[in-house]
Amino acid sequence: MRLFLVLSFVFFWLNTLAQDSWQAPESAKEINNPYAGNKIAAQMGQILYSKLCWTCHGKNGKGDGPAATNLSPKPKDFSSTYLQKQTDGELFWKLTNGKGMMVPYKYSLNEEKRWQLINYIRTLSVK
């Protein structure tokens, strides 16, 4: 019984670690944001965020939305240094392809709307 508990814990820990280290492929770093620095795109992204993202990621992007309590792994904190250090291309790739509970938005949002979300996420950085 003790061995079962230890193995269960190790499996859970490794599974959580693997999900938490979500890396976009190296090629994603080369994807350029055609709307970089565009304030209107960020405003449009905020509107999309308030419709699609806040329930998991929270109103301020901290990963503390009302649905977050039931999710494993927890939604990412968009204001974190770790997330903000990723390139726009990496974030775009993740938003496009999804993983686990994070849906792939390539089927429901065109590229422009996905870039708008990236621009809004950039406004959530720690100041």
N, C-alpha and C. Protein backbone atom coordinates (compact mmCIF):
# COMPACT_ATOMS: atom_id res chain seq x y z
N MET A 1 0.82 -1.19 0.00
CA MET A 1 0.00 0.00 0.00
C MET A 1 0.87 1.26 0.00
N ARG A 2 1.92 1.22 0.80
CA ARG A 2 2.81 2.37 0.89
C ARG A 2 3.49 2.63 -0.46
N LEU A 3 3.92 1.57 -1.12
CA LEU A 3 4.55 1.71 -2.43
C LEU A 3 3.57 2.31 -3.43
N PHE A 4 2.33 1.88 -3.38
CA PHE A 4 1.30 2.42 -4.27
C PHE A 4 1.14 3.93 -4.05
N LEU A 5 1.11 4.36 -2.82
CA LEU A 5 0.98 5.79 -2.52
C LEU A 5 2.17 6.58 -3.03
N VAL A 6 3.35 6.05 -2.83
CA VAL A 6 4.57 6.73 -3.29
C VAL A 6 4.57 6.81 -4.81
N LEU A 7 4.27 5.71 -5.48
CA LEU A 7 4.23 5.72 -6.94
C LEU A 7 3.15 6.64 -7.47
N SER A 8 2.01 6.68 -6.82
CA SER A 8 0.94 7.59 -7.23
C SER A 8 1.39 9.04 -7.12
N PHE A 9 2.04 9.37 -6.03
CA PHE A 9 2.54 10.73 -5.84
C PHE A 9 3.56 11.09 -6.91
N VAL A 10 4.51 10.19 -7.17
CA VAL A 10 5.55 10.44 -8.17
C VAL A 10 4.92 10.62 -9.54
N PHE A 11 3.98 9.76 -9.90
CA PHE A 11 3.30 9.89 -11.19
C PHE A 11 2.57 11.23 -11.29
N PHE A 12 1.84 11.60 -10.26
CA PHE A 12 1.12 12.88 -10.25
C PHE A 12 2.09 14.04 -10.40
N TRP A 13 3.20 14.01 -9.66
CA TRP A 13 4.18 15.08 -9.70
C TRP A 13 4.81 15.19 -11.08
N LEU A 14 5.20 14.06 -11.68
CA LEU A 14 5.80 14.08 -13.02
C LEU A 14 4.81 14.56 -14.06
N ASN A 15 3.57 14.15 -13.95
CA ASN A 15 2.54 14.59 -14.88
C ASN A 15 2.33 16.09 -14.78
N THR A 16 2.29 16.62 -13.57
CA THR A 16 2.12 18.05 -13.37
C THR A 16 3.32 18.81 -13.92
N LEU A 17 4.52 18.31 -13.66
CA LEU A 17 5.73 18.95 -14.15
C LEU A 17 5.75 18.97 -15.67
N ALA A 18 5.38 17.88 -16.29
CA ALA A 18 5.38 17.80 -17.76
C ALA A 18 4.38 18.78 -18.35
N GLN A 19 3.23 18.92 -17.74
CA GLN A 19 2.23 19.84 -18.26
C GLN A 19 2.62 21.29 -18.02
N ASP A 20 3.36 21.55 -16.95
CA ASP A 20 3.73 22.91 -16.61
C ASP A 20 4.86 23.42 -17.49
N SER A 21 5.61 22.53 -18.12
CA SER A 21 6.74 22.96 -18.94
C SER A 21 6.38 22.91 -20.42
N TRP A 22 5.29 23.51 -20.77
CA TRP A 22 4.82 23.52 -22.14
C TRP A 22 5.71 24.43 -22.97
N GLN A 23 6.41 23.84 -23.92
CA GLN A 23 7.32 24.59 -24.78
C GLN A 23 6.81 24.58 -26.21
N ALA A 24 6.83 25.74 -26.82
CA ALA A 24 6.55 25.83 -28.25
C ALA A 24 7.80 25.37 -29.00
N PRO A 25 7.66 24.89 -30.22
CA PRO A 25 8.85 24.49 -30.98
C PRO A 25 9.74 25.70 -31.28
N GLU A 26 11.01 25.45 -31.49
CA GLU A 26 11.97 26.53 -31.79
C GLU A 26 11.50 27.39 -32.96
N SER A 27 10.88 26.77 -33.95
CA SER A 27 10.42 27.52 -35.13
C SER A 27 9.40 28.59 -34.78
N ALA A 28 8.68 28.42 -33.67
CA ALA A 28 7.67 29.40 -33.27
C ALA A 28 8.30 30.74 -32.91
N LYS A 29 9.54 30.71 -32.46
CA LYS A 29 10.23 31.95 -32.09
C LYS A 29 10.40 32.88 -33.28
N GLU A 30 10.37 32.31 -34.47
CA GLU A 30 10.57 33.09 -35.69
C GLU A 30 9.28 33.70 -36.24
N ILE A 31 8.14 33.36 -35.65
CA ILE A 31 6.87 33.90 -36.12
C ILE A 31 6.77 35.35 -35.67
N ASN A 32 6.60 36.26 -36.62
CA ASN A 32 6.53 37.68 -36.31
C ASN A 32 5.10 38.15 -36.12
N ASN A 33 4.91 39.01 -35.15
CA ASN A 33 3.61 39.59 -34.86
C ASN A 33 3.38 40.78 -35.80
N PRO A 34 2.46 40.67 -36.75
CA PRO A 34 2.22 41.78 -37.68
C PRO A 34 1.53 42.97 -37.02
N TYR A 35 1.07 42.81 -35.79
CA TYR A 35 0.36 43.87 -35.07
C TYR A 35 1.13 44.33 -33.83
N ALA A 36 2.41 44.01 -33.74
CA ALA A 36 3.21 44.35 -32.56
C ALA A 36 3.11 45.84 -32.26
N GLY A 37 2.80 46.16 -31.01
CA GLY A 37 2.71 47.55 -30.57
C GLY A 37 1.44 48.28 -30.99
N ASN A 38 0.54 47.61 -31.67
CA ASN A 38 -0.69 48.24 -32.15
C ASN A 38 -1.70 48.30 -31.00
N LYS A 39 -1.97 49.51 -30.52
CA LYS A 39 -2.87 49.68 -29.37
C LYS A 39 -4.31 49.30 -29.69
N ILE A 40 -4.73 49.53 -30.92
CA ILE A 40 -6.10 49.16 -31.30
C ILE A 40 -6.24 47.63 -31.29
N ALA A 41 -5.21 46.94 -31.77
CA ALA A 41 -5.24 45.47 -31.74
C ALA A 41 -5.32 44.98 -30.30
N ALA A 42 -4.59 45.63 -29.39
CA ALA A 42 -4.65 45.24 -27.97
C ALA A 42 -6.04 45.49 -27.39
N GLN A 43 -6.67 46.59 -27.78
CA GLN A 43 -8.03 46.88 -27.30
C GLN A 43 -9.02 45.83 -27.82
N MET A 44 -8.87 45.45 -29.08
CA MET A 44 -9.73 44.40 -29.64
C MET A 44 -9.46 43.07 -28.93
N GLY A 45 -8.20 42.83 -28.60
CA GLY A 45 -7.84 41.63 -27.87
C GLY A 45 -8.46 41.60 -26.48
N GLN A 46 -8.56 42.76 -25.85
CA GLN A 46 -9.19 42.84 -24.53
C GLN A 46 -10.66 42.43 -24.61
N ILE A 47 -11.32 42.84 -25.66
CA ILE A 47 -12.73 42.46 -25.85
C ILE A 47 -12.84 40.94 -26.02
N LEU A 48 -11.98 40.37 -26.85
CA LEU A 48 -11.97 38.91 -27.03
C LEU A 48 -11.66 38.20 -25.72
N TYR A 49 -10.68 38.71 -25.00
CA TYR A 49 -10.28 38.11 -23.72
C TYR A 49 -11.46 38.07 -22.76
N SER A 50 -12.21 39.17 -22.71
CA SER A 50 -13.35 39.23 -21.78
C SER A 50 -14.46 38.26 -22.16
N LYS A 51 -14.46 37.80 -23.40
CA LYS A 51 -15.46 36.82 -23.84
C LYS A 51 -14.96 35.38 -23.74
N LEU A 52 -13.67 35.17 -24.00
CA LEU A 52 -13.15 33.81 -24.16
C LEU A 52 -12.20 33.31 -23.07
N CYS A 53 -11.51 34.19 -22.41
CA CYS A 53 -10.36 33.76 -21.59
C CYS A 53 -10.50 33.98 -20.09
N TRP A 54 -11.25 34.97 -19.70
CA TRP A 54 -11.25 35.39 -18.29
C TRP A 54 -11.74 34.33 -17.33
N THR A 55 -12.65 33.44 -17.77
CA THR A 55 -13.19 32.46 -16.82
C THR A 55 -12.10 31.52 -16.30
N CYS A 56 -11.08 31.27 -17.08
CA CYS A 56 -9.96 30.44 -16.61
C CYS A 56 -8.79 31.30 -16.14
N HIS A 57 -8.42 32.29 -16.94
CA HIS A 57 -7.21 33.07 -16.65
C HIS A 57 -7.45 34.26 -15.72
N GLY A 58 -8.71 34.57 -15.43
CA GLY A 58 -9.01 35.66 -14.51
C GLY A 58 -9.12 37.00 -15.20
N LYS A 59 -9.79 37.94 -14.56
CA LYS A 59 -10.02 39.25 -15.16
C LYS A 59 -8.72 40.02 -15.41
N ASN A 60 -7.71 39.77 -14.59
CA ASN A 60 -6.43 40.46 -14.76
C ASN A 60 -5.32 39.53 -15.26
N GLY A 61 -5.71 38.35 -15.76
CA GLY A 61 -4.75 37.43 -16.35
C GLY A 61 -3.85 36.71 -15.38
N LYS A 62 -4.24 36.61 -14.12
CA LYS A 62 -3.41 35.99 -13.09
C LYS A 62 -3.58 34.47 -13.00
N GLY A 63 -4.46 33.90 -13.83
CA GLY A 63 -4.71 32.46 -13.78
C GLY A 63 -5.67 32.08 -12.68
N ASP A 64 -6.45 33.05 -12.22
CA ASP A 64 -7.32 32.85 -11.05
C ASP A 64 -8.80 33.04 -11.36
N GLY A 65 -9.21 32.71 -12.59
CA GLY A 65 -10.62 32.83 -12.95
C GLY A 65 -11.47 31.82 -12.20
N PRO A 66 -12.79 32.00 -12.23
CA PRO A 66 -13.67 31.10 -11.48
C PRO A 66 -13.57 29.64 -11.89
N ALA A 67 -13.22 29.36 -13.13
CA ALA A 67 -13.09 27.96 -13.57
C ALA A 67 -11.74 27.36 -13.21
N ALA A 68 -10.78 28.18 -12.81
CA ALA A 68 -9.41 27.71 -12.55
C ALA A 68 -9.32 26.72 -11.41
N THR A 69 -10.21 26.83 -10.44
CA THR A 69 -10.13 25.94 -9.28
C THR A 69 -10.31 24.48 -9.65
N ASN A 70 -10.99 24.21 -10.75
CA ASN A 70 -11.26 22.83 -11.16
C ASN A 70 -10.29 22.32 -12.22
N LEU A 71 -9.29 23.11 -12.58
CA LEU A 71 -8.39 22.73 -13.66
C LEU A 71 -7.03 22.27 -13.13
N SER A 72 -6.48 21.27 -13.81
CA SER A 72 -5.13 20.82 -13.51
C SER A 72 -4.46 20.48 -14.84
N PRO A 73 -3.40 21.15 -15.18
CA PRO A 73 -2.71 22.17 -14.42
C PRO A 73 -3.51 23.47 -14.40
N LYS A 74 -3.15 24.35 -13.50
CA LYS A 74 -3.81 25.64 -13.37
C LYS A 74 -3.49 26.51 -14.58
N PRO A 75 -4.40 27.39 -14.97
CA PRO A 75 -4.12 28.31 -16.07
C PRO A 75 -2.90 29.19 -15.76
N LYS A 76 -2.21 29.57 -16.79
CA LYS A 76 -1.01 30.39 -16.62
C LYS A 76 -1.36 31.81 -16.20
N ASP A 77 -0.42 32.40 -15.47
CA ASP A 77 -0.49 33.80 -15.07
C ASP A 77 0.16 34.60 -16.19
N PHE A 78 -0.65 35.34 -16.95
CA PHE A 78 -0.14 36.08 -18.09
C PHE A 78 0.79 37.22 -17.69
N SER A 79 0.72 37.65 -16.45
CA SER A 79 1.59 38.75 -16.02
C SER A 79 2.96 38.26 -15.54
N SER A 80 3.14 36.95 -15.46
CA SER A 80 4.40 36.41 -14.93
C SER A 80 5.58 36.71 -15.86
N THR A 81 6.73 36.86 -15.25
CA THR A 81 7.95 37.09 -16.02
C THR A 81 8.20 35.93 -16.97
N TYR A 82 7.97 34.70 -16.49
CA TYR A 82 8.18 33.52 -17.33
C TYR A 82 7.36 33.61 -18.62
N LEU A 83 6.11 33.94 -18.49
CA LEU A 83 5.26 34.00 -19.68
C LEU A 83 5.63 35.19 -20.55
N GLN A 84 5.86 36.34 -19.94
CA GLN A 84 6.16 37.54 -20.71
C GLN A 84 7.51 37.47 -21.42
N LYS A 85 8.41 36.59 -20.98
CA LYS A 85 9.70 36.43 -21.66
C LYS A 85 9.57 35.63 -22.95
N GLN A 86 8.46 34.93 -23.12
CA GLN A 86 8.26 34.17 -24.35
C GLN A 86 8.01 35.14 -25.50
N THR A 87 8.42 34.73 -26.69
CA THR A 87 8.21 35.59 -27.85
C THR A 87 6.73 35.61 -28.23
N ASP A 88 6.35 36.63 -28.99
CA ASP A 88 4.98 36.67 -29.50
C ASP A 88 4.69 35.42 -30.32
N GLY A 89 5.67 34.97 -31.08
CA GLY A 89 5.50 33.77 -31.90
C GLY A 89 5.23 32.53 -31.06
N GLU A 90 5.93 32.39 -29.93
CA GLU A 90 5.69 31.25 -29.05
C GLU A 90 4.28 31.29 -28.47
N LEU A 91 3.86 32.46 -28.03
CA LEU A 91 2.51 32.59 -27.48
C LEU A 91 1.46 32.34 -28.56
N PHE A 92 1.71 32.85 -29.76
CA PHE A 92 0.79 32.65 -30.87
C PHE A 92 0.66 31.16 -31.18
N TRP A 93 1.79 30.45 -31.19
CA TRP A 93 1.78 29.02 -31.46
C TRP A 93 0.95 28.28 -30.41
N LYS A 94 1.13 28.62 -29.15
CA LYS A 94 0.39 27.97 -28.07
C LYS A 94 -1.10 28.28 -28.17
N LEU A 95 -1.44 29.53 -28.44
CA LEU A 95 -2.84 29.92 -28.59
C LEU A 95 -3.47 29.21 -29.80
N THR A 96 -2.70 29.06 -30.85
CA THR A 96 -3.18 28.41 -32.06
C THR A 96 -3.41 26.92 -31.87
N ASN A 97 -2.46 26.25 -31.23
CA ASN A 97 -2.48 24.78 -31.14
C ASN A 97 -3.09 24.22 -29.87
N GLY A 98 -3.08 24.98 -28.79
CA GLY A 98 -3.65 24.51 -27.54
C GLY A 98 -2.93 23.30 -26.99
N LYS A 99 -3.36 22.90 -25.79
CA LYS A 99 -2.82 21.69 -25.15
C LYS A 99 -3.69 21.39 -23.94
N GLY A 100 -4.11 20.15 -23.82
CA GLY A 100 -4.93 19.77 -22.67
C GLY A 100 -6.22 20.57 -22.62
N MET A 101 -6.44 21.23 -21.50
CA MET A 101 -7.65 22.03 -21.32
C MET A 101 -7.62 23.34 -22.09
N MET A 102 -6.44 23.74 -22.57
CA MET A 102 -6.32 24.96 -23.37
C MET A 102 -6.70 24.60 -24.80
N VAL A 103 -7.84 25.12 -25.23
CA VAL A 103 -8.36 24.76 -26.55
C VAL A 103 -7.49 25.35 -27.66
N PRO A 104 -7.40 24.67 -28.81
CA PRO A 104 -6.69 25.24 -29.95
C PRO A 104 -7.59 26.25 -30.67
N TYR A 105 -7.18 27.48 -30.68
CA TYR A 105 -8.01 28.52 -31.28
C TYR A 105 -7.86 28.64 -32.79
N LYS A 106 -7.05 27.79 -33.40
CA LYS A 106 -6.91 27.84 -34.86
C LYS A 106 -8.22 27.51 -35.57
N TYR A 107 -9.12 26.84 -34.88
CA TYR A 107 -10.39 26.46 -35.48
C TYR A 107 -11.49 27.50 -35.29
N SER A 108 -11.34 28.35 -34.30
CA SER A 108 -12.43 29.28 -33.99
C SER A 108 -12.07 30.75 -34.12
N LEU A 109 -10.78 31.08 -34.17
CA LEU A 109 -10.37 32.48 -34.32
C LEU A 109 -9.42 32.60 -35.50
N ASN A 110 -9.65 33.60 -36.34
CA ASN A 110 -8.71 33.81 -37.44
C ASN A 110 -7.39 34.37 -36.88
N GLU A 111 -6.37 34.43 -37.72
CA GLU A 111 -5.05 34.87 -37.25
C GLU A 111 -5.08 36.26 -36.65
N GLU A 112 -5.81 37.17 -37.26
CA GLU A 112 -5.87 38.54 -36.75
C GLU A 112 -6.38 38.57 -35.31
N LYS A 113 -7.44 37.84 -35.04
CA LYS A 113 -7.99 37.82 -33.68
C LYS A 113 -7.02 37.17 -32.69
N ARG A 114 -6.30 36.15 -33.12
CA ARG A 114 -5.30 35.53 -32.24
C ARG A 114 -4.18 36.51 -31.92
N TRP A 115 -3.75 37.30 -32.92
CA TRP A 115 -2.72 38.31 -32.66
C TRP A 115 -3.26 39.41 -31.75
N GLN A 116 -4.52 39.74 -31.89
CA GLN A 116 -5.11 40.73 -31.00
C GLN A 116 -5.04 40.25 -29.55
N LEU A 117 -5.34 38.98 -29.32
CA LEU A 117 -5.23 38.42 -27.97
C LEU A 117 -3.79 38.49 -27.46
N ILE A 118 -2.82 38.18 -28.31
CA ILE A 118 -1.41 38.25 -27.91
C ILE A 118 -1.07 39.68 -27.50
N ASN A 119 -1.51 40.66 -28.30
CA ASN A 119 -1.23 42.05 -27.97
C ASN A 119 -1.85 42.44 -26.63
N TYR A 120 -3.05 41.96 -26.35
CA TYR A 120 -3.66 42.26 -25.05
C TYR A 120 -2.89 41.58 -23.93
N ILE A 121 -2.50 40.34 -24.11
CA ILE A 121 -1.74 39.62 -23.09
C ILE A 121 -0.46 40.38 -22.74
N ARG A 122 0.14 41.02 -23.72
CA ARG A 122 1.35 41.82 -23.47
C ARG A 122 1.07 42.99 -22.54
N THR A 123 -0.15 43.49 -22.51
CA THR A 123 -0.47 44.61 -21.62
C THR A 123 -0.59 44.16 -20.17
N LEU A 124 -0.63 42.86 -19.93
CA LEU A 124 -0.81 42.33 -18.58
C LEU A 124 0.52 42.09 -17.86
N SER A 125 1.62 42.49 -18.46
CA SER A 125 2.93 42.24 -17.86
C SER A 125 3.08 42.97 -16.53
N VAL A 126 3.93 42.42 -15.67
CA VAL A 126 4.20 43.02 -14.37
C VAL A 126 4.90 44.35 -14.60
N LYS A 127 4.39 45.37 -13.98
CA LYS A 127 4.96 46.72 -14.17
C LYS A 127 5.89 47.05 -13.03
